[in-house]
């Protein structure tokens, strides 16, 4: 016997003003605006090394050692 599960999708009923529903994924999300705080380059210290994280002209992120 094969059982199937019906998945209903709600299109457009969620308001933009609502808080996002917490995901089951425990990975912490940090918005880039919080990291950069108006700057285009930040330095990250990791394992005794310094890394440079920057926003390019095309709005991409680059991490350099």
C-alpha atoms as a PDB file:
ATOM      1  CA  UNK A   1       0.000   0.000   0.000  1.00  0.00           C
ATOM      2  CA  UNK A   2       1.391   3.431  -0.995  1.00  0.00           C
ATOM      3  CA  UNK A   3       0.342   6.464   0.984  1.00  0.00           C
ATOM      4  CA  UNK A   4       0.625   9.939  -0.480  1.00  0.00           C
ATOM      5  CA  UNK A   5       0.597  13.212   1.355  1.00  0.00           C
ATOM      6  CA  UNK A   6      -1.253  16.214   0.054  1.00  0.00           C
ATOM      7  CA  UNK A   7       0.602  19.519   0.394  1.00  0.00           C
ATOM      8  CA  UNK A   8      -1.419  22.679   0.067  1.00  0.00           C
ATOM      9  CA  UNK A   9       0.354  25.873  -0.873  1.00  0.00           C
ATOM     10  CA  UNK A  10      -0.983  29.232   0.204  1.00  0.00           C
ATOM     11  CA  UNK A  11      -0.222  31.851  -2.430  1.00  0.00           C
ATOM     12  CA  UNK A  12      -0.279  35.451  -1.330  1.00  0.00           C
ATOM     13  CA  UNK A  13      -2.212  35.275   1.919  1.00  0.00           C
ATOM     14  CA  UNK A  14       0.771  36.235   4.095  1.00  0.00           C
ATOM     15  CA  UNK A  15       1.030  39.941   4.769  1.00  0.00           C
ATOM     16  CA  UNK A  16       4.335  41.759   4.301  1.00  0.00           C
ATOM     17  CA  UNK A  17       3.857  43.223   7.801  1.00  0.00           C
ATOM     18  CA  UNK A  18       3.885  39.830   9.491  1.00  0.00           C
ATOM     19  CA  UNK A  19       6.875  38.449  11.338  1.00  0.00           C
ATOM     20  CA  UNK A  20       8.510  35.533   9.504  1.00  0.00           C
ATOM     21  CA  UNK A  21       7.713  32.120  10.902  1.00  0.00           C
ATOM     22  CA  UNK A  22      10.764  30.679  12.694  1.00  0.00           C
ATOM     23  CA  UNK A  23      12.317  27.908  10.685  1.00  0.00           C
ATOM     24  CA  UNK A  24      13.313  24.522  12.052  1.00  0.00           C
ATOM     25  CA  UNK A  25      16.850  25.276  10.815  1.00  0.00           C
ATOM     26  CA  UNK A  26      18.910  26.378  13.845  1.00  0.00           C
ATOM     27  CA  UNK A  27      21.449  28.251  11.700  1.00  0.00           C
ATOM     28  CA  UNK A  28      21.699  31.877  12.778  1.00  0.00           C
ATOM     29  CA  UNK A  29      21.074  34.443  10.034  1.00  0.00           C
ATOM     30  CA  UNK A  30      22.750  37.838  10.203  1.00  0.00           C
ATOM     31  CA  UNK A  31      21.727  40.497   7.702  1.00  0.00           C
ATOM     32  CA  UNK A  32      24.598  42.067   5.781  1.00  0.00           C
ATOM     33  CA  UNK A  33      23.321  45.521   6.741  1.00  0.00           C
ATOM     34  CA  UNK A  34      24.083  44.645  10.379  1.00  0.00           C
ATOM     35  CA  UNK A  35      27.610  43.470   9.537  1.00  0.00           C
ATOM     36  CA  UNK A  36      28.571  46.385   7.304  1.00  0.00           C
ATOM     37  CA  UNK A  37      26.677  49.165   9.166  1.00  0.00           C
ATOM     38  CA  UNK A  38      26.839  51.510   6.178  1.00  0.00           C
ATOM     39  CA  UNK A  39      30.419  50.634   5.203  1.00  0.00           C
ATOM     40  CA  UNK A  40      31.538  48.629   2.160  1.00  0.00           C
ATOM     41  CA  UNK A  41      34.449  46.796   3.811  1.00  0.00           C
ATOM     42  CA  UNK A  42      34.800  45.036   7.170  1.00  0.00           C
ATOM     43  CA  UNK A  43      37.635  43.021   8.681  1.00  0.00           C
ATOM     44  CA  UNK A  44      36.919  39.607  10.228  1.00  0.00           C
ATOM     45  CA  UNK A  45      39.317  38.029  12.736  1.00  0.00           C
ATOM     46  CA  UNK A  46      39.289  34.205  12.586  1.00  0.00           C
ATOM     47  CA  UNK A  47      41.780  31.722  14.049  1.00  0.00           C
ATOM     48  CA  UNK A  48      44.438  34.399  14.403  1.00  0.00           C
ATOM     49  CA  UNK A  49      44.060  35.535  10.781  1.00  0.00           C
ATOM     50  CA  UNK A  50      42.439  38.670   9.370  1.00  0.00           C
ATOM     51  CA  UNK A  51      40.016  38.474   6.480  1.00  0.00           C
ATOM     52  CA  UNK A  52      38.526  41.318   4.472  1.00  0.00           C
ATOM     53  CA  UNK A  53      34.833  41.081   3.555  1.00  0.00           C
ATOM     54  CA  UNK A  54      33.709  43.598   0.951  1.00  0.00           C
ATOM     55  CA  UNK A  55      30.713  44.554  -1.129  1.00  0.00           C
ATOM     56  CA  UNK A  56      31.567  44.973  -4.811  1.00  0.00           C
ATOM     57  CA  UNK A  57      30.151  47.547  -7.231  1.00  0.00           C
ATOM     58  CA  UNK A  58      27.804  44.795  -8.465  1.00  0.00           C
ATOM     59  CA  UNK A  59      26.504  44.287  -4.897  1.00  0.00           C
ATOM     60  CA  UNK A  60      28.276  40.932  -4.451  1.00  0.00           C
ATOM     61  CA  UNK A  61      30.319  39.799  -1.456  1.00  0.00           C
ATOM     62  CA  UNK A  62      34.008  38.901  -1.625  1.00  0.00           C
ATOM     63  CA  UNK A  63      36.031  37.426   1.237  1.00  0.00           C
ATOM     64  CA  UNK A  64      39.804  37.920   0.949  1.00  0.00           C
ATOM     65  CA  UNK A  65      42.601  36.655   3.162  1.00  0.00           C
END
